[in-house]
């Protein structure tokens, strides 16, 4: 637990960028999936 907190505190910018990228990718994937399903039906 302490090691994770230390890594998170040390590489906070990297974690923040990774989190932002993950959210953006997830949003795009969801949008594409919804559009594909909508067009399929």
Foldseek 3Di string as FASTA:
>chain_A
DVVVVVVCVVPVVVVVVVVVVVVVVVVVVVVVVVVVVVVVD
